Amino acid sequence: MVWFILRRCGSAVIVLFLASVMIFLGVRALPGDPAVVMAGEEASPAVVEAIRHEFGLDKPLPAQYVDYVSQTVSGNLGRSTQDQIPVADILVERLPVTLELSALAMLVAIVVGVGSGIVASVRRGKLADYVATGFGLAGLSVPHFWLGLLGILLFAVTLRWLPASGYVPFSEDPAANLQRMLLPALVLGAGFAAILMRQTRSAMLGALSADYVRTARSKGLPEAKVVGAHALRNSLTTVVTVLGLQLGALISGAVVTEQIFVIPGFGKLTVDAVLTRNYPVIQAVVLVTVIGYVVVNLLVDIAYAYLNPRIRLSGGGHG
């Protein structure tokens, strides 16, 4: 098991290195000159050149990449080109907002998706199965922005149950915070829940028809124990894998959701930074997102190997 974890950590380091190269080159492939954006269209060439020199934009790309990596490793993410605020301070302010939204959306997805998947598999071919399958199809088909607008129209404008937009920090007013984050979390978690429902249903159907489940039933075990302790437990490997693979979709969906509901998180920060060619902020946001994605998938690999020991044994592990 130890060797398996070490190999996965080595793979994660390689992925992070390649991601840093792609982030660096991708940001600089954006059209427009950030020095001109910072200086203004009416600025003289001398001012533009001074800004370009200040931020190292006049250096060759390899030298810029070395500076970028060395500063990032040392914890210096640079300063925003718009207001000269340290990028690290901006991330510390915005990251908890997106983490809260993602956590609530994931909670919604797990409760609704896994729960409906279990019900659909146990009640296969009946009304509950058709309802859950229809929910899954709708969740996969409706885009986030359209679902968000419908949610605002229904719950904020028509019923007046929830605010249409805005954000209140949890530390200031927990009730107001949850009230404003509930609708965005439901919108963001809907598609994720649909995927979890379909995967859980498929895995549970396979488990419920397995020999060990038939054996458990023949022993007279209660149906709830058969489903929960036997079928569901052996289906968790699929659910855990899907959780890790869909994290990227959850983060990308947060960009749209935060724009719709005017939530000052990573998504809105990314859009604003791209529009203003704010290189340091774009690089930092994407890098932190990639690190989060890699770390979560690393944890998923470890959890998957723990739930299914054949994975680490087939990979040559000795733990």
C-alpha atoms as a PDB file:
ATOM      1  CA  MET A   1       0.000   0.000   0.000  1.00  0.00           C
ATOM      2  CA  VAL A   2       2.880   2.375   0.806  1.00  0.00           C
ATOM      3  CA  TRP A   3       4.490   1.755  -2.574  1.00  0.00           C
ATOM      4  CA  PHE A   4       1.150   2.320  -4.282  1.00  0.00           C
ATOM      5  CA  ILE A   5       0.762   5.714  -2.557  1.00  0.00           C
ATOM      6  CA  LEU A   6       4.334   6.740  -3.435  1.00  0.00           C
ATOM      7  CA  ARG A   7       3.788   5.905  -7.100  1.00  0.00           C
ATOM      8  CA  ARG A   8       0.566   7.901  -7.160  1.00  0.00           C
ATOM      9  CA  CYS A   9       2.325  10.865  -5.514  1.00  0.00           C
ATOM     10  CA  GLY A  10       5.056  10.707  -8.167  1.00  0.00           C
ATOM     11  CA  SER A  11       2.446  10.733 -10.904  1.00  0.00           C
ATOM     12  CA  ALA A  12       0.758  13.722  -9.245  1.00  0.00           C
ATOM     13  CA  VAL A  13       4.045  15.678  -9.253  1.00  0.00           C
ATOM     14  CA  ILE A  14       4.500  15.019 -12.986  1.00  0.00           C
ATOM     15  CA  VAL A  15       0.928  16.134 -13.679  1.00  0.00           C
ATOM     16  CA  LEU A  16       1.471  19.354 -11.706  1.00  0.00           C
ATOM     17  CA  PHE A  17       4.665  20.106 -13.654  1.00  0.00           C
ATOM     18  CA  LEU A  18       2.951  19.614 -17.010  1.00  0.00           C
ATOM     19  CA  ALA A  19      -0.021  21.643 -15.797  1.00  0.00           C
ATOM     20  CA  SER A  20       2.247  24.536 -14.781  1.00  0.00           C
ATOM     21  CA  VAL A  21       3.723  24.601 -18.304  1.00  0.00           C
ATOM     22  CA  MET A  22       0.270  24.555 -19.897  1.00  0.00           C
ATOM     23  CA  ILE A  23      -1.004  27.283 -17.575  1.00  0.00           C
ATOM     24  CA  PHE A  24       2.008  29.489 -18.295  1.00  0.00           C
ATOM     25  CA  LEU A  25       1.775  29.104 -22.079  1.00  0.00           C
ATOM     26  CA  GLY A  26      -2.016  29.245 -22.155  1.00  0.00           C
ATOM     27  CA  VAL A  27      -2.200  32.524 -20.276  1.00  0.00           C
ATOM     28  CA  ARG A  28       0.350  34.125 -22.581  1.00  0.00           C
ATOM     29  CA  ALA A  29      -1.555  32.917 -25.626  1.00  0.00           C
ATOM     30  CA  LEU A  30      -4.470  35.187 -24.689  1.00  0.00           C
ATOM     31  CA  PRO A  31      -4.943  38.003 -27.218  1.00  0.00           C
ATOM     32  CA  GLY A  32      -3.921  41.502 -26.184  1.00  0.00           C
ATOM     33  CA  ASP A  33      -1.001  43.021 -24.301  1.00  0.00           C
ATOM     34  CA  PRO A  34      -1.482  43.197 -20.512  1.00  0.00           C
ATOM     35  CA  ALA A  35       0.979  46.103 -20.337  1.00  0.00           C
ATOM     36  CA  VAL A  36      -1.251  48.144 -22.655  1.00  0.00           C
ATOM     37  CA  VAL A  37      -4.318  47.175 -20.598  1.00  0.00           C
ATOM     38  CA  MET A  38      -2.630  48.350 -17.383  1.00  0.00           C
ATOM     39  CA  ALA A  39      -1.238  51.547 -18.887  1.00  0.00           C
ATOM     40  CA  GLY A  40      -4.319  52.492 -20.875  1.00  0.00           C
ATOM     41  CA  GLU A  41      -4.792  53.011 -24.578  1.00  0.00           C
ATOM     42  CA  GLU A  42      -3.539  56.619 -24.398  1.00  0.00           C
ATOM     43  CA  ALA A  43      -0.286  55.811 -22.578  1.00  0.00           C
ATOM     44  CA  SER A  44       3.029  56.498 -24.256  1.00  0.00           C
ATOM     45  CA  PRO A  45       5.253  53.637 -25.488  1.00  0.00           C
ATOM     46  CA  ALA A  46       7.756  54.470 -22.758  1.00  0.00           C
ATOM     47  CA  VAL A  47       5.152  53.900 -20.030  1.00  0.00           C
ATOM     48  CA  VAL A  48       4.025  50.642 -21.612  1.00  0.00           C
ATOM     49  CA  GLU A  49       7.622  49.447 -21.845  1.00  0.00           C
ATOM     50  CA  ALA A  50       8.267  50.372 -18.199  1.00  0.00           C
ATOM     51  CA  ILE A  51       5.255  48.332 -17.082  1.00  0.00           C
ATOM     52  CA  ARG A  52       6.354  45.428 -19.264  1.00  0.00           C
ATOM     53  CA  HIS A  53       9.812  45.551 -17.645  1.00  0.00           C
ATOM     54  CA  GLU A  54       8.358  45.810 -14.111  1.00  0.00           C
ATOM     55  CA  PHE A  55       6.371  42.611 -14.508  1.00  0.00           C
ATOM     56  CA  GLY A  56       9.090  40.775 -16.435  1.00  0.00           C
ATOM     57  CA  LEU A  57       7.069  40.629 -19.633  1.00  0.00           C
ATOM     58  CA  ASP A  58      10.067  41.759 -21.685  1.00  0.00           C
ATOM     59  CA  LYS A  59      12.057  38.632 -20.817  1.00  0.00           C
ATOM     60  CA  PRO A  60      12.182  35.509 -23.028  1.00  0.00           C
ATOM     61  CA  LEU A  61       9.468  32.953 -22.291  1.00  0.00           C
ATOM     62  CA  PRO A  62      11.850  30.401 -20.699  1.00  0.00           C
ATOM     63  CA  ALA A  63      13.128  33.054 -18.295  1.00  0.00           C
ATOM     64  CA  GLN A  64       9.568  34.107 -17.475  1.00  0.00           C
ATOM     65  CA  TYR A  65       8.647  30.475 -16.757  1.00  0.00           C
ATOM     66  CA  VAL A  66      11.640  29.997 -14.435  1.00  0.00           C
ATOM     67  CA  ASP A  67      10.664  33.169 -12.547  1.00  0.00           C
ATOM     68  CA  TYR A  68       7.060  31.971 -12.374  1.00  0.00           C
ATOM     69  CA  VAL A  69       7.961  28.545 -10.956  1.00  0.00           C
ATOM     70  CA  SER A  70      10.569  29.848  -8.484  1.00  0.00           C
ATOM     71  CA  GLN A  71       8.208  32.488  -7.132  1.00  0.00           C
ATOM     72  CA  THR A  72       5.301  30.048  -6.917  1.00  0.00           C
ATOM     73  CA  VAL A  73       7.341  27.451  -5.036  1.00  0.00           C
ATOM     74  CA  SER A  74       8.463  30.132  -2.568  1.00  0.00           C
ATOM     75  CA  GLY A  75       4.838  31.132  -1.991  1.00  0.00           C
ATOM     76  CA  ASN A  76       5.058  34.421  -3.885  1.00  0.00           C
ATOM     77  CA  LEU A  77       2.170  34.466  -6.379  1.00  0.00           C
ATOM     78  CA  GLY A  78       2.870  38.024  -7.446  1.00  0.00           C
ATOM     79  CA  ARG A  79       0.607  41.059  -7.379  1.00  0.00           C
ATOM     80  CA  SER A  80      -2.548  41.816  -9.278  1.00  0.00           C
ATOM     81  CA  THR A  81      -1.840  44.002 -12.268  1.00  0.00           C
ATOM     82  CA  GLN A  82      -5.073  45.913 -11.636  1.00  0.00           C
ATOM     83  CA  ASP A  83      -4.706  47.118  -8.054  1.00  0.00           C
ATOM     84  CA  GLN A  84      -1.275  45.809  -6.945  1.00  0.00           C
ATOM     85  CA  ILE A  85      -2.848  43.686  -4.180  1.00  0.00           C
ATOM     86  CA  PRO A  86      -0.898  40.473  -3.464  1.00  0.00           C
ATOM     87  CA  VAL A  87      -2.515  37.610  -5.344  1.00  0.00           C
ATOM     88  CA  ALA A  88      -2.182  35.378  -2.278  1.00  0.00           C
ATOM     89  CA  ASP A  89      -4.396  37.781  -0.313  1.00  0.00           C
ATOM     90  CA  ILE A  90      -7.010  37.729  -3.092  1.00  0.00           C
ATOM     91  CA  LEU A  91      -7.030  33.927  -3.124  1.00  0.00           C
ATOM     92  CA  VAL A  92      -7.357  33.737   0.658  1.00  0.00           C
ATOM     93  CA  GLU A  93     -10.401  36.006   0.393  1.00  0.00           C
ATOM     94  CA  ARG A  94     -12.069  34.258  -2.553  1.00  0.00           C
ATOM     95  CA  LEU A  95     -11.161  30.589  -2.031  1.00  0.00           C
ATOM     96  CA  PRO A  96     -13.405  29.948   1.018  1.00  0.00           C
ATOM     97  CA  VAL A  97     -16.416  31.199  -0.961  1.00  0.00           C
ATOM     98  CA  THR A  98     -15.934  28.691  -3.773  1.00  0.00           C
ATOM     99  CA  LEU A  99     -15.033  25.915  -1.334  1.00  0.00           C
ATOM    100  CA  GLU A 100     -18.268  26.499   0.550  1.00  0.00           C
ATOM    101  CA  LEU A 101     -20.314  26.504  -2.657  1.00  0.00           C
ATOM    102  CA  SER A 102     -18.595  23.352  -3.931  1.00  0.00           C
ATOM    103  CA  ALA A 103     -19.005  21.564  -0.591  1.00  0.00           C
ATOM    104  CA  LEU A 104     -22.717  22.381  -0.431  1.00  0.00           C
ATOM    105  CA  ALA A 105     -23.188  21.345  -4.069  1.00  0.00           C
ATOM    106  CA  MET A 106     -21.354  18.080  -3.436  1.00  0.00           C
ATOM    107  CA  LEU A 107     -23.489  17.444  -0.349  1.00  0.00           C
ATOM    108  CA  VAL A 108     -26.623  17.990  -2.428  1.00  0.00           C
ATOM    109  CA  ALA A 109     -25.270  15.702  -5.147  1.00  0.00           C
ATOM    110  CA  ILE A 110     -24.354  12.890  -2.748  1.00  0.00           C
ATOM    111  CA  VAL A 111     -27.618  12.977  -0.812  1.00  0.00           C
ATOM    112  CA  VAL A 112     -29.868  13.296  -3.862  1.00  0.00           C
ATOM    113  CA  GLY A 113     -27.804  11.334  -6.390  1.00  0.00           C
ATOM    114  CA  VAL A 114     -26.747   8.363  -4.289  1.00  0.00           C
ATOM    115  CA  GLY A 115     -30.093   8.220  -2.482  1.00  0.00           C
ATOM    116  CA  SER A 116     -32.161   8.232  -5.670  1.00  0.00           C
ATOM    117  CA  GLY A 117     -29.763   5.741  -7.286  1.00  0.00           C
ATOM    118  CA  ILE A 118     -30.271   3.294  -4.426  1.00  0.00           C
ATOM    119  CA  VAL A 119     -34.052   3.699  -4.565  1.00  0.00           C
ATOM    120  CA  ALA A 120     -34.087   3.297  -8.357  1.00  0.00           C
ATOM    121  CA  SER A 121     -32.068   0.076  -8.202  1.00  0.00           C
ATOM    122  CA  VAL A 122     -34.120  -1.452  -5.400  1.00  0.00           C
ATOM    123  CA  ARG A 123     -37.400  -0.453  -7.100  1.00  0.00           C
ATOM    124  CA  ARG A 124     -36.262  -1.353 -10.610  1.00  0.00           C
ATOM    125  CA  GLY A 125     -38.979  -1.119 -13.247  1.00  0.00           C
ATOM    126  CA  LYS A 126     -41.390   0.663 -10.919  1.00  0.00           C
ATOM    127  CA  LEU A 127     -42.540   4.273 -10.587  1.00  0.00           C
ATOM    128  CA  ALA A 128     -39.635   5.305  -8.344  1.00  0.00           C
ATOM    129  CA  ASP A 129     -37.156   3.989 -10.907  1.00  0.00           C
ATOM    130  CA  TYR A 130     -38.797   5.926 -13.752  1.00  0.00           C
ATOM    131  CA  VAL A 131     -38.910   9.133 -11.686  1.00  0.00           C
ATOM    132  CA  ALA A 132     -35.235   8.846 -10.705  1.00  0.00           C
ATOM    133  CA  THR A 133     -34.194   8.046 -14.284  1.00  0.00           C
ATOM    134  CA  GLY A 134     -36.182  11.031 -15.568  1.00  0.00           C
ATOM    135  CA  PHE A 135     -34.505  13.245 -12.979  1.00  0.00           C
ATOM    136  CA  GLY A 136     -31.120  11.991 -14.116  1.00  0.00           C
ATOM    137  CA  LEU A 137     -31.866  12.703 -17.755  1.00  0.00           C
ATOM    138  CA  ALA A 138     -33.109  16.215 -16.945  1.00  0.00           C
ATOM    139  CA  GLY A 139     -30.103  16.959 -14.737  1.00  0.00           C
ATOM    140  CA  LEU A 140     -27.695  15.969 -17.493  1.00  0.00           C
ATOM    141  CA  SER A 141     -29.566  17.871 -20.208  1.00  0.00           C
ATOM    142  CA  VAL A 142     -30.285  21.261 -18.627  1.00  0.00           C
ATOM    143  CA  PRO A 143     -27.324  23.699 -18.662  1.00  0.00           C
ATOM    144  CA  HIS A 144     -26.289  25.383 -15.406  1.00  0.00           C
ATOM    145  CA  PHE A 145     -27.047  28.897 -16.605  1.00  0.00           C
ATOM    146  CA  TRP A 146     -30.584  27.971 -17.728  1.00  0.00           C
ATOM    147  CA  LEU A 147     -31.313  26.068 -14.525  1.00  0.00           C
ATOM    148  CA  GLY A 148     -29.982  29.015 -12.507  1.00  0.00           C
ATOM    149  CA  LEU A 149     -32.256  31.472 -14.291  1.00  0.00           C
ATOM    150  CA  LEU A 150     -35.252  29.174 -13.796  1.00  0.00           C
ATOM    151  CA  GLY A 151     -34.379  28.837 -10.112  1.00  0.00           C
ATOM    152  CA  ILE A 152     -34.203  32.594  -9.675  1.00  0.00           C
ATOM    153  CA  LEU A 153     -37.503  33.054 -11.511  1.00  0.00           C
ATOM    154  CA  LEU A 154     -39.270  30.417  -9.408  1.00  0.00           C
ATOM    155  CA  PHE A 155     -37.805  30.670  -5.906  1.00  0.00           C
ATOM    156  CA  ALA A 156     -36.770  34.352  -5.830  1.00  0.00           C
ATOM    157  CA  VAL A 157     -39.196  36.194  -8.103  1.00  0.00           C
ATOM    158  CA  THR A 158     -42.387  34.100  -7.966  1.00  0.00           C
ATOM    159  CA  LEU A 159     -42.331  32.398  -4.562  1.00  0.00           C
ATOM    160  CA  ARG A 160     -39.958  34.860  -2.846  1.00  0.00           C
ATOM    161  CA  TRP A 161     -38.489  32.076  -0.722  1.00  0.00           C
ATOM    162  CA  LEU A 162     -34.813  32.779  -1.436  1.00  0.00           C
ATOM    163  CA  PRO A 163     -32.706  35.809  -2.457  1.00  0.00           C
ATOM    164  CA  ALA A 164     -31.994  36.146  -6.159  1.00  0.00           C
ATOM    165  CA  SER A 165     -28.287  36.898  -5.737  1.00  0.00           C
ATOM    166  CA  GLY A 166     -25.627  38.253  -3.431  1.00  0.00           C
ATOM    167  CA  TYR A 167     -23.328  36.856  -0.778  1.00  0.00           C
ATOM    168  CA  VAL A 168     -22.989  37.228   2.988  1.00  0.00           C
ATOM    169  CA  PRO A 169     -19.932  35.733   4.742  1.00  0.00           C
ATOM    170  CA  PHE A 170     -20.735  32.854   7.072  1.00  0.00           C
ATOM    171  CA  SER A 171     -18.810  34.546   9.889  1.00  0.00           C
ATOM    172  CA  GLU A 172     -21.070  37.605   9.711  1.00  0.00           C
ATOM    173  CA  ASP A 173     -24.480  35.914   9.511  1.00  0.00           C
ATOM    174  CA  PRO A 174     -24.648  32.102   9.170  1.00  0.00           C
ATOM    175  CA  ALA A 175     -28.400  32.075   8.467  1.00  0.00           C
ATOM    176  CA  ALA A 176     -28.184  34.723   5.736  1.00  0.00           C
ATOM    177  CA  ASN A 177     -25.154  32.974   4.267  1.00  0.00           C
ATOM    178  CA  LEU A 178     -26.915  29.616   3.950  1.00  0.00           C
ATOM    179  CA  GLN A 179     -30.052  31.303   2.645  1.00  0.00           C
ATOM    180  CA  ARG A 180     -28.084  32.866  -0.217  1.00  0.00           C
ATOM    181  CA  MET A 181     -25.956  29.789  -0.922  1.00  0.00           C
ATOM    182  CA  LEU A 182     -28.795  27.253  -0.996  1.00  0.00           C
ATOM    183  CA  LEU A 183     -30.107  28.025  -4.478  1.00  0.00           C
ATOM    184  CA  PRO A 184     -26.636  28.197  -6.128  1.00  0.00           C
ATOM    185  CA  ALA A 185     -25.710  24.901  -4.432  1.00  0.00           C
ATOM    186  CA  LEU A 186     -28.880  23.240  -5.735  1.00  0.00           C
ATOM    187  CA  VAL A 187     -28.198  24.519  -9.260  1.00  0.00           C
ATOM    188  CA  LEU A 188     -24.546  23.475  -9.220  1.00  0.00           C
ATOM    189  CA  GLY A 189     -25.227  20.104  -7.613  1.00  0.00           C
ATOM    190  CA  ALA A 190     -28.121  19.112  -9.891  1.00  0.00           C
ATOM    191  CA  GLY A 191     -26.001  17.889 -12.805  1.00  0.00           C
ATOM    192  CA  PHE A 192     -23.552  16.192 -10.469  1.00  0.00           C
ATOM    193  CA  ALA A 193     -26.420  14.457  -8.666  1.00  0.00           C
ATOM    194  CA  ALA A 194     -27.765  13.161 -11.979  1.00  0.00           C
ATOM    195  CA  ILE A 195     -24.413  11.568 -12.825  1.00  0.00           C
ATOM    196  CA  LEU A 196     -24.125  10.022  -9.363  1.00  0.00           C
ATOM    197  CA  MET A 197     -27.669   8.682  -9.623  1.00  0.00           C
ATOM    198  CA  ARG A 198     -27.012   6.913 -12.924  1.00  0.00           C
ATOM    199  CA  GLN A 199     -23.688   5.444 -11.776  1.00  0.00           C
ATOM    200  CA  THR A 200     -25.055   4.376  -8.375  1.00  0.00           C
ATOM    201  CA  ARG A 201     -28.086   2.732  -9.979  1.00  0.00           C
ATOM    202  CA  SER A 202     -25.921   0.850 -12.472  1.00  0.00           C
ATOM    203  CA  ALA A 203     -23.456  -0.327  -9.815  1.00  0.00           C
ATOM    204  CA  MET A 204     -26.239  -1.324  -7.415  1.00  0.00           C
ATOM    205  CA  LEU A 205     -28.074  -3.318 -10.077  1.00  0.00           C
ATOM    206  CA  GLY A 206     -24.906  -5.302 -10.726  1.00  0.00           C
ATOM    207  CA  ALA A 207     -24.337  -5.856  -7.020  1.00  0.00           C
ATOM    208  CA  LEU A 208     -27.939  -6.873  -6.286  1.00  0.00           C
ATOM    209  CA  SER A 209     -27.725  -9.639  -8.884  1.00  0.00           C
ATOM    210  CA  ALA A 210     -24.399 -10.979  -7.553  1.00  0.00           C
ATOM    211  CA  ASP A 211     -24.059 -14.367  -5.859  1.00  0.00           C
ATOM    212  CA  TYR A 212     -23.031 -12.944  -2.479  1.00  0.00           C
ATOM    213  CA  VAL A 213     -26.276 -10.909  -2.302  1.00  0.00           C
ATOM    214  CA  ARG A 214     -28.364 -13.978  -3.127  1.00  0.00           C
ATOM    215  CA  THR A 215     -26.463 -15.859  -0.434  1.00  0.00           C
ATOM    216  CA  ALA A 216     -27.134 -13.103   2.106  1.00  0.00           C
ATOM    217  CA  ARG A 217     -30.834 -13.177   1.296  1.00  0.00           C
ATOM    218  CA  SER A 218     -30.952 -16.965   1.551  1.00  0.00           C
ATOM    219  CA  LYS A 219     -29.582 -16.662   5.073  1.00  0.00           C
ATOM    220  CA  GLY A 220     -32.608 -14.587   6.017  1.00  0.00           C
ATOM    221  CA  LEU A 221     -30.841 -11.256   6.500  1.00  0.00           C
ATOM    222  CA  PRO A 222     -33.119  -8.180   6.516  1.00  0.00           C
ATOM    223  CA  GLU A 223     -33.416  -6.494   3.122  1.00  0.00           C
ATOM    224  CA  ALA A 224     -32.079  -3.219   4.519  1.00  0.00           C
ATOM    225  CA  LYS A 225     -28.906  -4.956   5.680  1.00  0.00           C
ATOM    226  CA  VAL A 226     -28.520  -6.780   2.383  1.00  0.00           C
ATOM    227  CA  VAL A 227     -28.791  -3.528   0.445  1.00  0.00           C
ATOM    228  CA  GLY A 228     -26.735  -1.366   2.794  1.00  0.00           C
ATOM    229  CA  ALA A 229     -24.054  -3.671   4.160  1.00  0.00           C
ATOM    230  CA  HIS A 230     -23.498  -5.802   1.065  1.00  0.00           C
ATOM    231  CA  ALA A 231     -24.699  -4.281  -2.206  1.00  0.00           C
ATOM    232  CA  LEU A 232     -24.034  -0.618  -1.407  1.00  0.00           C
ATOM    233  CA  ARG A 233     -20.638  -1.237   0.158  1.00  0.00           C
ATOM    234  CA  ASN A 234     -19.428  -3.083  -2.934  1.00  0.00           C
ATOM    235  CA  SER A 235     -20.821  -0.331  -5.154  1.00  0.00           C
ATOM    236  CA  LEU A 236     -18.918   2.441  -3.381  1.00  0.00           C
ATOM    237  CA  THR A 237     -15.827   2.004  -5.562  1.00  0.00           C
ATOM    238  CA  THR A 238     -17.794   3.268  -8.548  1.00  0.00           C
ATOM    239  CA  VAL A 239     -19.301   6.149  -6.586  1.00  0.00           C
ATOM    240  CA  VAL A 240     -15.917   7.226  -5.180  1.00  0.00           C
ATOM    241  CA  THR A 241     -14.363   7.150  -8.653  1.00  0.00           C
ATOM    242  CA  VAL A 242     -17.136   9.296 -10.099  1.00  0.00           C
ATOM    243  CA  LEU A 243     -16.761  11.787  -7.234  1.00  0.00           C
ATOM    244  CA  GLY A 244     -13.129  12.372  -8.153  1.00  0.00           C
ATOM    245  CA  LEU A 245     -13.636  12.468 -11.904  1.00  0.00           C
ATOM    246  CA  GLN A 246     -16.481  14.970 -11.675  1.00  0.00           C
ATOM    247  CA  LEU A 247     -14.602  17.457  -9.492  1.00  0.00           C
ATOM    248  CA  GLY A 248     -13.352  19.274 -12.572  1.00  0.00           C
ATOM    249  CA  ALA A 249     -16.897  19.630 -13.890  1.00  0.00           C
ATOM    250  CA  LEU A 250     -17.993  20.894 -10.479  1.00  0.00           C
ATOM    251  CA  ILE A 251     -15.312  23.596 -10.498  1.00  0.00           C
ATOM    252  CA  SER A 252     -16.032  24.647 -14.087  1.00  0.00           C
ATOM    253  CA  GLY A 253     -19.741  24.763 -13.282  1.00  0.00           C
ATOM    254  CA  ALA A 254     -18.960  27.040 -10.332  1.00  0.00           C
ATOM    255  CA  VAL A 255     -17.665  29.650 -12.788  1.00  0.00           C
ATOM    256  CA  VAL A 256     -21.077  29.937 -14.441  1.00  0.00           C
ATOM    257  CA  THR A 257     -23.016  29.622 -11.196  1.00  0.00           C
ATOM    258  CA  GLU A 258     -21.028  32.347  -9.440  1.00  0.00           C
ATOM    259  CA  GLN A 259     -21.575  34.695 -12.373  1.00  0.00           C
ATOM    260  CA  ILE A 260     -25.339  34.109 -12.341  1.00  0.00           C
ATOM    261  CA  PHE A 261     -25.757  34.587  -8.598  1.00  0.00           C
ATOM    262  CA  VAL A 262     -23.059  37.299  -8.236  1.00  0.00           C
ATOM    263  CA  ILE A 263     -21.002  35.256  -5.765  1.00  0.00           C
ATOM    264  CA  PRO A 264     -17.469  36.630  -5.256  1.00  0.00           C
ATOM    265  CA  GLY A 265     -15.633  33.321  -5.560  1.00  0.00           C
ATOM    266  CA  PHE A 266     -13.010  31.770  -7.817  1.00  0.00           C
ATOM    267  CA  GLY A 267     -15.326  31.644 -10.799  1.00  0.00           C
ATOM    268  CA  LYS A 268     -16.086  35.351 -10.880  1.00  0.00           C
ATOM    269  CA  LEU A 269     -12.452  36.130 -10.104  1.00  0.00           C
ATOM    270  CA  THR A 270     -11.334  34.035 -13.090  1.00  0.00           C
ATOM    271  CA  VAL A 271     -13.717  35.733 -15.523  1.00  0.00           C
ATOM    272  CA  ASP A 272     -12.722  39.212 -14.338  1.00  0.00           C
ATOM    273  CA  ALA A 273      -9.014  38.349 -14.545  1.00  0.00           C
ATOM    274  CA  VAL A 274      -9.327  37.018 -18.111  1.00  0.00           C
ATOM    275  CA  LEU A 275     -11.212  40.109 -19.249  1.00  0.00           C
ATOM    276  CA  THR A 276      -8.480  42.397 -17.840  1.00  0.00           C
ATOM    277  CA  ARG A 277      -5.521  40.192 -18.906  1.00  0.00           C
ATOM    278  CA  ASN A 278      -4.463  39.915 -15.275  1.00  0.00           C
ATOM    279  CA  TYR A 279      -1.715  37.308 -15.734  1.00  0.00           C
ATOM    280  CA  PRO A 280      -0.744  36.744 -12.065  1.00  0.00           C
ATOM    281  CA  VAL A 281      -4.350  36.224 -10.941  1.00  0.00           C
ATOM    282  CA  ILE A 282      -5.213  33.912 -13.856  1.00  0.00           C
ATOM    283  CA  GLN A 283      -2.122  31.790 -13.271  1.00  0.00           C
ATOM    284  CA  ALA A 284      -2.726  31.558  -9.528  1.00  0.00           C
ATOM    285  CA  VAL A 285      -6.429  30.697  -9.829  1.00  0.00           C
ATOM    286  CA  VAL A 286      -5.900  27.999 -12.440  1.00  0.00           C
ATOM    287  CA  LEU A 287      -2.886  26.572 -10.583  1.00  0.00           C
ATOM    288  CA  VAL A 288      -4.774  26.331  -7.283  1.00  0.00           C
ATOM    289  CA  THR A 289      -7.693  24.697  -9.117  1.00  0.00           C
ATOM    290  CA  VAL A 290      -5.382  22.153 -10.745  1.00  0.00           C
ATOM    291  CA  ILE A 291      -3.674  21.398  -7.420  1.00  0.00           C
ATOM    292  CA  GLY A 292      -7.066  20.832  -5.815  1.00  0.00           C
ATOM    293  CA  TYR A 293      -8.131  18.567  -8.668  1.00  0.00           C
ATOM    294  CA  VAL A 294      -4.900  16.524  -8.511  1.00  0.00           C
ATOM    295  CA  VAL A 295      -5.007  16.194  -4.717  1.00  0.00           C
ATOM    296  CA  VAL A 296      -8.637  15.079  -4.714  1.00  0.00           C
ATOM    297  CA  ASN A 297      -7.969  12.503  -7.434  1.00  0.00           C
ATOM    298  CA  LEU A 298      -4.956  11.275  -5.489  1.00  0.00           C
ATOM    299  CA  LEU A 299      -7.168  10.780  -2.443  1.00  0.00           C
ATOM    300  CA  VAL A 300      -9.745   9.044  -4.642  1.00  0.00           C
ATOM    301  CA  ASP A 301      -7.072   6.644  -5.932  1.00  0.00           C
ATOM    302  CA  ILE A 302      -6.040   5.821  -2.378  1.00  0.00           C
ATOM    303  CA  ALA A 303      -9.642   5.364  -1.265  1.00  0.00           C
ATOM    304  CA  TYR A 304     -10.347   3.237  -4.345  1.00  0.00           C
ATOM    305  CA  ALA A 305      -7.365   1.003  -3.573  1.00  0.00           C
ATOM    306  CA  TYR A 306      -8.509   0.705   0.034  1.00  0.00           C
ATOM    307  CA  LEU A 307     -12.025  -0.290  -0.990  1.00  0.00           C
ATOM    308  CA  ASN A 308     -10.755  -2.657  -3.688  1.00  0.00           C
ATOM    309  CA  PRO A 309      -7.349  -4.179  -2.764  1.00  0.00           C
ATOM    310  CA  ARG A 310      -7.066  -5.786  -6.221  1.00  0.00           C
ATOM    311  CA  ILE A 311      -6.308  -2.321  -7.644  1.00  0.00           C
ATOM    312  CA  ARG A 312      -3.069  -1.812  -5.699  1.00  0.00           C
ATOM    313  CA  LEU A 313      -2.045  -5.458  -6.153  1.00  0.00           C
ATOM    314  CA  SER A 314      -2.520  -5.354  -9.923  1.00  0.00           C
ATOM    315  CA  GLY A 315      -0.449  -2.155 -10.006  1.00  0.00           C
ATOM    316  CA  GLY A 316       2.563  -3.863  -8.517  1.00  0.00           C
ATOM    317  CA  GLY A 317       2.166  -2.564  -4.987  1.00  0.00           C
ATOM    318  CA  HIS A 318       3.649  -4.358  -2.020  1.00  0.00           C
ATOM    319  CA  GLY A 319       1.564  -2.826   0.765  1.00  0.00           C
END
